[in-house]
């Protein structure tokens, strides 16, 4: 059986250990984050939500997930 390799990413300022080759779409789903209410930044670039399933996370990637808050 193949051992799953772990990598470290920085998620909203905290170090997190995840499986290697994890896609951002899977990370968002696992964290139960509603995609419609967030913006996702990877290494200081805003990601197109249509492409999240194509982007694999790499060691030391920096992810910021920003929630939109309504108000007036």
Protein backbone atom coordinates (compact mmCIF):
# COMPACT_ATOMS: atom_id res chain seq x y z
CA UNK A 1 0.00 0.00 0.00
CA UNK A 2 1.30 3.42 -0.97
CA UNK A 3 1.94 5.79 1.93
CA UNK A 4 0.26 9.16 1.57
CA UNK A 5 2.79 11.94 1.82
CA UNK A 6 1.92 15.01 3.89
CA UNK A 7 2.77 18.60 3.08
CA UNK A 8 2.41 21.79 5.10
CA UNK A 9 0.40 24.78 3.95
CA UNK A 10 -0.42 28.08 5.59
CA UNK A 11 -4.20 28.53 5.86
CA UNK A 12 -5.37 31.94 7.11
CA UNK A 13 -2.15 32.38 9.09
CA UNK A 14 -2.05 28.88 10.61
CA UNK A 15 0.14 25.97 9.55
CA UNK A 16 -1.89 22.96 8.47
CA UNK A 17 -0.72 19.49 7.44
CA UNK A 18 -2.60 18.04 4.45
CA UNK A 19 -2.22 15.18 1.98
CA UNK A 20 0.08 15.86 -0.95
CA UNK A 21 -1.69 16.68 -4.25
CA UNK A 22 -4.87 17.80 -2.48
CA UNK A 23 -6.93 20.07 -4.69
CA UNK A 24 -8.20 23.40 -3.36
CA UNK A 25 -11.78 22.33 -4.17
CA UNK A 26 -11.37 19.32 -1.85
CA UNK A 27 -9.88 21.45 0.93
CA UNK A 28 -12.81 23.90 0.74
CA UNK A 29 -15.31 21.02 0.78
CA UNK A 30 -13.55 19.33 3.72
CA UNK A 31 -13.62 22.60 5.68
CA UNK A 32 -17.36 22.98 4.90
CA UNK A 33 -16.84 26.51 3.57
CA UNK A 34 -19.69 27.89 1.42
CA UNK A 35 -18.03 28.87 -1.86
CA UNK A 36 -20.60 31.55 -2.65
CA UNK A 37 -19.61 33.58 0.42
CA UNK A 38 -15.81 33.54 0.16
CA UNK A 39 -12.88 34.71 -1.93
CA UNK A 40 -9.88 32.40 -2.11
CA UNK A 41 -6.34 33.68 -2.46
CA UNK A 42 -3.40 31.37 -3.20
CA UNK A 43 0.07 32.87 -2.77
CA UNK A 44 -1.38 36.40 -3.02
CA UNK A 45 -3.41 35.72 -6.18
CA UNK A 46 -7.21 35.56 -6.21
CA UNK A 47 -8.35 32.24 -7.67
CA UNK A 48 -11.12 31.78 -10.22
CA UNK A 49 -13.68 29.57 -8.47
CA UNK A 50 -14.30 27.67 -11.73
CA UNK A 51 -10.68 26.43 -11.63
CA UNK A 52 -10.47 25.27 -8.00
CA UNK A 53 -10.67 21.61 -8.99
CA UNK A 54 -7.61 22.01 -11.23
CA UNK A 55 -5.32 23.61 -8.63
CA UNK A 56 -3.23 21.19 -6.52
CA UNK A 57 -1.71 22.49 -3.33
CA UNK A 58 2.06 22.41 -2.93
CA UNK A 59 4.28 22.46 0.14
CA UNK A 60 4.40 25.92 1.78
CA UNK A 61 1.49 27.32 -0.26
CA UNK A 62 -0.20 30.24 1.46
CA UNK A 63 -4.00 30.25 1.32
CA UNK A 64 -6.25 33.02 2.55
CA UNK A 65 -9.99 32.41 2.63
CA UNK A 66 -11.90 35.64 3.07
CA UNK A 67 -15.57 35.57 4.06
CA UNK A 68 -17.91 38.22 2.68
CA UNK A 69 -20.00 39.84 5.38
CA UNK A 70 -23.18 41.68 4.49
CA UNK A 71 -24.08 44.87 6.23
CA UNK A 72 -25.21 48.36 5.77
